[in-house]
Amino acid sequence: MRVTHDLDGTYVLSCTDVELGLIAEGLYAVEDTGRRCLEAKVPDEVDTAALRDELYLLGDMRAQIDAALD
């Protein structure tokens, strides 16, 4: 895996399909844990609204990875 950073603040991740699959699995695990925290009404280190926003972003990221792996 390789990550580069442009002067405009954009990060570019270059990786194999195996590495991308592992990233997707990690995103799923974090998303699942966050969702369980919400269901148990025990937000993690942030407030509930922020956690919901993070879960939405994680889900979107995972969907993009899934689409790229298809």
PDB file of N, CA and C in Angstrom:
ATOM      1  N   MET A   1       0.846  -1.159   0.000  1.00  0.00           N
ATOM      2  CA  MET A   1       0.000   0.000   0.000  1.00  0.00           C
ATOM      3  C   MET A   1       0.896   1.228   0.000  1.00  0.00           C
ATOM      4  N   ARG A   2       0.443   2.251  -0.705  1.00  0.00           N
ATOM      5  CA  ARG A   2       1.194   3.492  -0.765  1.00  0.00           C
ATOM      6  C   ARG A   2       0.221   4.656  -0.662  1.00  0.00           C
ATOM      7  N   VAL A   3       0.561   5.652   0.137  1.00  0.00           N
ATOM      8  CA  VAL A   3      -0.256   6.852   0.281  1.00  0.00           C
ATOM      9  C   VAL A   3       0.597   8.046  -0.098  1.00  0.00           C
ATOM     10  N   THR A   4       0.056   8.872  -0.993  1.00  0.00           N
ATOM     11  CA  THR A   4       0.744  10.104  -1.360  1.00  0.00           C
ATOM     12  C   THR A   4      -0.136  11.283  -0.970  1.00  0.00           C
ATOM     13  N   HIS A   5       0.488  12.441  -0.847  1.00  0.00           N
ATOM     14  CA  HIS A   5      -0.210  13.649  -0.421  1.00  0.00           C
ATOM     15  C   HIS A   5       0.136  14.768  -1.386  1.00  0.00           C
ATOM     16  N   ASP A   6      -0.878  15.361  -2.006  1.00  0.00           N
ATOM     17  CA  ASP A   6      -0.673  16.480  -2.915  1.00  0.00           C
ATOM     18  C   ASP A   6      -0.637  17.790  -2.147  1.00  0.00           C
ATOM     19  N   LEU A   7      -0.116  18.820  -2.777  1.00  0.00           N
ATOM     20  CA  LEU A   7      -0.039  20.133  -2.138  1.00  0.00           C
ATOM     21  C   LEU A   7      -1.415  20.727  -1.849  1.00  0.00           C
ATOM     22  N   ASP A   8      -2.427  20.305  -2.606  1.00  0.00           N
ATOM     23  CA  ASP A   8      -3.781  20.826  -2.380  1.00  0.00           C
ATOM     24  C   ASP A   8      -4.500  20.124  -1.233  1.00  0.00           C
ATOM     25  N   GLY A   9      -3.826  19.190  -0.561  1.00  0.00           N
ATOM     26  CA  GLY A   9      -4.416  18.505   0.586  1.00  0.00           C
ATOM     27  C   GLY A   9      -5.105  17.197   0.262  1.00  0.00           C
ATOM     28  N   THR A  10      -4.972  16.726  -0.965  1.00  0.00           N
ATOM     29  CA  THR A  10      -5.590  15.477  -1.379  1.00  0.00           C
ATOM     30  C   THR A  10      -4.648  14.314  -1.107  1.00  0.00           C
ATOM     31  N   TYR A  11      -5.187  13.271  -0.494  1.00  0.00           N
ATOM     32  CA  TYR A  11      -4.429  12.038  -0.267  1.00  0.00           C
ATOM     33  C   TYR A  11      -4.844  11.023  -1.311  1.00  0.00           C
ATOM     34  N   VAL A  12      -3.888  10.280  -1.825  1.00  0.00           N
ATOM     35  CA  VAL A  12      -4.156   9.235  -2.810  1.00  0.00           C
ATOM     36  C   VAL A  12      -3.622   7.919  -2.256  1.00  0.00           C
ATOM     37  N   LEU A  13      -4.509   6.940  -2.188  1.00  0.00           N
ATOM     38  CA  LEU A  13      -4.167   5.616  -1.679  1.00  0.00           C
ATOM     39  C   LEU A  13      -4.030   4.669  -2.860  1.00  0.00           C
ATOM     40  N   SER A  14      -2.890   4.028  -2.978  1.00  0.00           N
ATOM     41  CA  SER A  14      -2.668   3.015  -4.004  1.00  0.00           C
ATOM     42  C   SER A  14      -2.436   1.689  -3.299  1.00  0.00           C
ATOM     43  N   CYS A  15      -3.256   0.682  -3.638  1.00  0.00           N
ATOM     44  CA  CYS A  15      -3.130  -0.592  -2.952  1.00  0.00           C
ATOM     45  C   CYS A  15      -3.623  -1.719  -3.845  1.00  0.00           C
ATOM     46  N   THR A  16      -3.358  -2.936  -3.424  1.00  0.00           N
ATOM     47  CA  THR A  16      -3.832  -4.109  -4.144  1.00  0.00           C
ATOM     48  C   THR A  16      -5.280  -4.385  -3.757  1.00  0.00           C
ATOM     49  N   ASP A  17      -5.920  -5.282  -4.490  1.00  0.00           N
ATOM     50  CA  ASP A  17      -7.297  -5.642  -4.153  1.00  0.00           C
ATOM     51  C   ASP A  17      -7.369  -6.321  -2.791  1.00  0.00           C
ATOM     52  N   VAL A  18      -6.350  -7.055  -2.419  1.00  0.00           N
ATOM     53  CA  VAL A  18      -6.321  -7.698  -1.100  1.00  0.00           C
ATOM     54  C   VAL A  18      -6.252  -6.633  -0.004  1.00  0.00           C
ATOM     55  N   GLU A  19      -5.389  -5.654  -0.175  1.00  0.00           N
ATOM     56  CA  GLU A  19      -5.275  -4.579   0.824  1.00  0.00           C
ATOM     57  C   GLU A  19      -6.570  -3.778   0.910  1.00  0.00           C
ATOM     58  N   LEU A  20      -7.181  -3.513  -0.242  1.00  0.00           N
ATOM     59  CA  LEU A  20      -8.438  -2.776  -0.244  1.00  0.00           C
ATOM     60  C   LEU A  20      -9.538  -3.580   0.446  1.00  0.00           C
ATOM     61  N   GLY A  21      -9.548  -4.879   0.264  1.00  0.00           N
ATOM     62  CA  GLY A  21     -10.507  -5.735   0.955  1.00  0.00           C
ATOM     63  C   GLY A  21     -10.317  -5.692   2.456  1.00  0.00           C
ATOM     64  N   LEU A  22      -9.068  -5.680   2.903  1.00  0.00           N
ATOM     65  CA  LEU A  22      -8.800  -5.580   4.347  1.00  0.00           C
ATOM     66  C   LEU A  22      -9.247  -4.237   4.905  1.00  0.00           C
ATOM     67  N   ILE A  23      -9.059  -3.182   4.142  1.00  0.00           N
ATOM     68  CA  ILE A  23      -9.526  -1.865   4.570  1.00  0.00           C
ATOM     69  C   ILE A  23     -11.045  -1.876   4.703  1.00  0.00           C
ATOM     70  N   ALA A  24     -11.722  -2.474   3.736  1.00  0.00           N
ATOM     71  CA  ALA A  24     -13.181  -2.568   3.786  1.00  0.00           C
ATOM     72  C   ALA A  24     -13.639  -3.355   5.008  1.00  0.00           C
ATOM     73  N   GLU A  25     -12.952  -4.449   5.323  1.00  0.00           N
ATOM     74  CA  GLU A  25     -13.300  -5.232   6.513  1.00  0.00           C
ATOM     75  C   GLU A  25     -13.130  -4.403   7.782  1.00  0.00           C
ATOM     76  N   GLY A  26     -12.060  -3.625   7.832  1.00  0.00           N
ATOM     77  CA  GLY A  26     -11.831  -2.760   8.989  1.00  0.00           C
ATOM     78  C   GLY A  26     -12.907  -1.703   9.120  1.00  0.00           C
ATOM     79  N   LEU A  27     -13.300  -1.111   7.995  1.00  0.00           N
ATOM     80  CA  LEU A  27     -14.378  -0.116   8.020  1.00  0.00           C
ATOM     81  C   LEU A  27     -15.666  -0.739   8.515  1.00  0.00           C
ATOM     82  N   TYR A  28     -15.946  -1.970   8.048  1.00  0.00           N
ATOM     83  CA  TYR A  28     -17.152  -2.657   8.493  1.00  0.00           C
ATOM     84  C   TYR A  28     -17.123  -2.881  10.005  1.00  0.00           C
ATOM     85  N   ALA A  29     -15.993  -3.298  10.528  1.00  0.00           N
ATOM     86  CA  ALA A  29     -15.886  -3.569  11.966  1.00  0.00           C
ATOM     87  C   ALA A  29     -16.125  -2.307  12.782  1.00  0.00           C
ATOM     88  N   VAL A  30     -15.546  -1.193  12.349  1.00  0.00           N
ATOM     89  CA  VAL A  30     -15.743   0.078  13.058  1.00  0.00           C
ATOM     90  C   VAL A  30     -17.196   0.519  12.948  1.00  0.00           C
ATOM     91  N   GLU A  31     -17.772   0.363  11.753  1.00  0.00           N
ATOM     92  CA  GLU A  31     -19.169   0.733  11.531  1.00  0.00           C
ATOM     93  C   GLU A  31     -20.089  -0.114  12.411  1.00  0.00           C
ATOM     94  N   ASP A  32     -19.834  -1.401  12.474  1.00  0.00           N
ATOM     95  CA  ASP A  32     -20.649  -2.313  13.286  1.00  0.00           C
ATOM     96  C   ASP A  32     -20.555  -1.953  14.768  1.00  0.00           C
ATOM     97  N   THR A  33     -19.361  -1.667  15.239  1.00  0.00           N
ATOM     98  CA  THR A  33     -19.183  -1.287  16.649  1.00  0.00           C
ATOM     99  C   THR A  33     -19.923   0.004  16.961  1.00  0.00           C
ATOM    100  N   GLY A  34     -19.812   0.972  16.067  1.00  0.00           N
ATOM    101  CA  GLY A  34     -20.515   2.237  16.268  1.00  0.00           C
ATOM    102  C   GLY A  34     -22.015   2.058  16.285  1.00  0.00           C
ATOM    103  N   ARG A  35     -22.523   1.222  15.384  1.00  0.00           N
ATOM    104  CA  ARG A  35     -23.959   0.967  15.342  1.00  0.00           C
ATOM    105  C   ARG A  35     -24.422   0.289  16.632  1.00  0.00           C
ATOM    106  N   ARG A  36     -23.622  -0.635  17.143  1.00  0.00           N
ATOM    107  CA  ARG A  36     -23.972  -1.304  18.407  1.00  0.00           C
ATOM    108  C   ARG A  36     -23.983  -0.306  19.570  1.00  0.00           C
ATOM    109  N   CYS A  37     -23.050   0.639  19.541  1.00  0.00           N
ATOM    110  CA  CYS A  37     -23.033   1.685  20.579  1.00  0.00           C
ATOM    111  C   CYS A  37     -24.314   2.504  20.528  1.00  0.00           C
ATOM    112  N   LEU A  38     -24.743   2.859  19.321  1.00  0.00           N
ATOM    113  CA  LEU A  38     -25.984   3.628  19.191  1.00  0.00           C
ATOM    114  C   LEU A  38     -27.175   2.822  19.684  1.00  0.00           C
ATOM    115  N   GLU A  39     -27.244   1.550  19.306  1.00  0.00           N
ATOM    116  CA  GLU A  39     -28.359   0.700  19.726  1.00  0.00           C
ATOM    117  C   GLU A  39     -28.400   0.557  21.239  1.00  0.00           C
ATOM    118  N   ALA A  40     -27.233   0.497  21.871  1.00  0.00           N
ATOM    119  CA  ALA A  40     -27.157   0.355  23.323  1.00  0.00           C
ATOM    120  C   ALA A  40     -27.255   1.707  24.034  1.00  0.00           C
ATOM    121  N   LYS A  41     -27.385   2.767  23.230  1.00  0.00           N
ATOM    122  CA  LYS A  41     -27.439   4.135  23.756  1.00  0.00           C
ATOM    123  C   LYS A  41     -26.190   4.479  24.563  1.00  0.00           C
ATOM    124  N   VAL A  42     -25.054   3.965  24.089  1.00  0.00           N
ATOM    125  CA  VAL A  42     -23.764   4.237  24.720  1.00  0.00           C
ATOM    126  C   VAL A  42     -22.820   4.745  23.635  1.00  0.00           C
ATOM    127  N   PRO A  43     -22.934   6.028  23.269  1.00  0.00           N
ATOM    128  CA  PRO A  43     -22.022   6.547  22.253  1.00  0.00           C
ATOM    129  C   PRO A  43     -20.577   6.441  22.724  1.00  0.00           C
ATOM    130  N   ASP A  44     -19.693   6.250  21.775  1.00  0.00           N
ATOM    131  CA  ASP A  44     -18.276   6.129  22.126  1.00  0.00           C
ATOM    132  C   ASP A  44     -17.721   7.483  22.543  1.00  0.00           C
ATOM    133  N   GLU A  45     -16.592   7.886  22.015  1.00  0.00           N
ATOM    134  CA  GLU A  45     -15.934   9.095  22.487  1.00  0.00           C
ATOM    135  C   GLU A  45     -16.588  10.376  21.988  1.00  0.00           C
ATOM    136  N   VAL A  46     -17.607  10.272  21.146  1.00  0.00           N
ATOM    137  CA  VAL A  46     -18.271  11.462  20.615  1.00  0.00           C
ATOM    138  C   VAL A  46     -19.757  11.421  20.935  1.00  0.00           C
ATOM    139  N   ASP A  47     -20.439  12.509  20.636  1.00  0.00           N
ATOM    140  CA  ASP A  47     -21.879  12.525  20.890  1.00  0.00           C
ATOM    141  C   ASP A  47     -22.622  11.723  19.821  1.00  0.00           C
ATOM    142  N   THR A  48     -23.885  11.466  20.070  1.00  0.00           N
ATOM    143  CA  THR A  48     -24.686  10.594  19.218  1.00  0.00           C
ATOM    144  C   THR A  48     -24.800  11.130  17.795  1.00  0.00           C
ATOM    145  N   ALA A  49     -25.044  12.416  17.632  1.00  0.00           N
ATOM    146  CA  ALA A  49     -25.189  12.994  16.288  1.00  0.00           C
ATOM    147  C   ALA A  49     -23.891  12.837  15.490  1.00  0.00           C
ATOM    148  N   ALA A  50     -22.773  13.088  16.134  1.00  0.00           N
ATOM    149  CA  ALA A  50     -21.482  12.952  15.452  1.00  0.00           C
ATOM    150  C   ALA A  50     -21.230  11.493  15.077  1.00  0.00           C
ATOM    151  N   LEU A  51     -21.602  10.571  15.953  1.00  0.00           N
ATOM    152  CA  LEU A  51     -21.416   9.148  15.668  1.00  0.00           C
ATOM    153  C   LEU A  51     -22.270   8.722  14.484  1.00  0.00           C
ATOM    154  N   ARG A  52     -23.497   9.231  14.404  1.00  0.00           N
ATOM    155  CA  ARG A  52     -24.362   8.919  13.260  1.00  0.00           C
ATOM    156  C   ARG A  52     -23.734   9.421  11.960  1.00  0.00           C
ATOM    157  N   ASP A  53     -23.186  10.642  12.003  1.00  0.00           N
ATOM    158  CA  ASP A  53     -22.517  11.190  10.821  1.00  0.00           C
ATOM    159  C   ASP A  53     -21.323  10.328  10.418  1.00  0.00           C
ATOM    160  N   GLU A  54     -20.542   9.907  11.391  1.00  0.00           N
ATOM    161  CA  GLU A  54     -19.381   9.062  11.117  1.00  0.00           C
ATOM    162  C   GLU A  54     -19.812   7.728  10.513  1.00  0.00           C
ATOM    163  N   LEU A  55     -20.886   7.153  11.035  1.00  0.00           N
ATOM    164  CA  LEU A  55     -21.380   5.877  10.510  1.00  0.00           C
ATOM    165  C   LEU A  55     -21.839   6.029   9.063  1.00  0.00           C
ATOM    166  N   TYR A  56     -22.468   7.152   8.748  1.00  0.00           N
ATOM    167  CA  TYR A  56     -22.883   7.406   7.370  1.00  0.00           C
ATOM    168  C   TYR A  56     -21.662   7.470   6.456  1.00  0.00           C
ATOM    169  N   LEU A  57     -20.639   8.207   6.878  1.00  0.00           N
ATOM    170  CA  LEU A  57     -19.421   8.322   6.078  1.00  0.00           C
ATOM    171  C   LEU A  57     -18.726   6.977   5.911  1.00  0.00           C
ATOM    172  N   LEU A  58     -18.655   6.196   6.981  1.00  0.00           N
ATOM    173  CA  LEU A  58     -18.040   4.871   6.896  1.00  0.00           C
ATOM    174  C   LEU A  58     -18.800   3.981   5.916  1.00  0.00           C
ATOM    175  N   GLY A  59     -20.111   4.023   5.979  1.00  0.00           N
ATOM    176  CA  GLY A  59     -20.933   3.229   5.070  1.00  0.00           C
ATOM    177  C   GLY A  59     -20.713   3.638   3.622  1.00  0.00           C
ATOM    178  N   ASP A  60     -20.605   4.941   3.392  1.00  0.00           N
ATOM    179  CA  ASP A  60     -20.357   5.444   2.046  1.00  0.00           C
ATOM    180  C   ASP A  60     -18.978   5.014   1.547  1.00  0.00           C
ATOM    181  N   MET A  61     -17.982   5.101   2.405  1.00  0.00           N
ATOM    182  CA  MET A  61     -16.639   4.680   2.031  1.00  0.00           C
ATOM    183  C   MET A  61     -16.617   3.195   1.680  1.00  0.00           C
ATOM    184  N   ARG A  62     -17.285   2.400   2.503  1.00  0.00           N
ATOM    185  CA  ARG A  62     -17.313   0.963   2.267  1.00  0.00           C
ATOM    186  C   ARG A  62     -18.035   0.633   0.968  1.00  0.00           C
ATOM    187  N   ALA A  63     -19.113   1.352   0.670  1.00  0.00           N
ATOM    188  CA  ALA A  63     -19.853   1.134  -0.578  1.00  0.00           C
ATOM    189  C   ALA A  63     -18.977   1.456  -1.782  1.00  0.00           C
ATOM    190  N   GLN A  64     -18.194   2.517  -1.697  1.00  0.00           N
ATOM    191  CA  GLN A  64     -17.298   2.869  -2.798  1.00  0.00           C
ATOM    192  C   GLN A  64     -16.230   1.787  -3.001  1.00  0.00           C
ATOM    193  N   ILE A  65     -15.718   1.259  -1.892  1.00  0.00           N
ATOM    194  CA  ILE A  65     -14.733   0.187  -2.010  1.00  0.00           C
ATOM    195  C   ILE A  65     -15.357  -1.061  -2.600  1.00  0.00           C
ATOM    196  N   ASP A  66     -16.552  -1.414  -2.117  1.00  0.00           N
ATOM    197  CA  ASP A  66     -17.238  -2.587  -2.664  1.00  0.00           C
ATOM    198  C   ASP A  66     -17.462  -2.443  -4.167  1.00  0.00           C
ATOM    199  N   ALA A  67     -17.851  -1.257  -4.601  1.00  0.00           N
ATOM    200  CA  ALA A  67     -18.081  -1.009  -6.026  1.00  0.00           C
ATOM    201  C   ALA A  67     -16.774  -1.131  -6.805  1.00  0.00           C
ATOM    202  N   ALA A  68     -15.682  -0.659  -6.224  1.00  0.00           N
ATOM    203  CA  ALA A  68     -14.390  -0.730  -6.902  1.00  0.00           C
ATOM    204  C   ALA A  68     -13.903  -2.180  -7.016  1.00  0.00           C
ATOM    205  N   LEU A  69     -14.265  -3.022  -6.055  1.00  0.00           N
ATOM    206  CA  LEU A  69     -13.819  -4.418  -6.064  1.00  0.00           C
ATOM    207  C   LEU A  69     -14.662  -5.304  -6.968  1.00  0.00           C
ATOM    208  N   ASP A  70     -15.841  -4.811  -7.383  1.00  0.00           N
ATOM    209  CA  ASP A  70     -16.713  -5.611  -8.259  1.00  0.00           C
ATOM    210  C   ASP A  70     -16.185  -5.688  -9.661  1.00  0.00           C
TER     211      ASP A  70
END
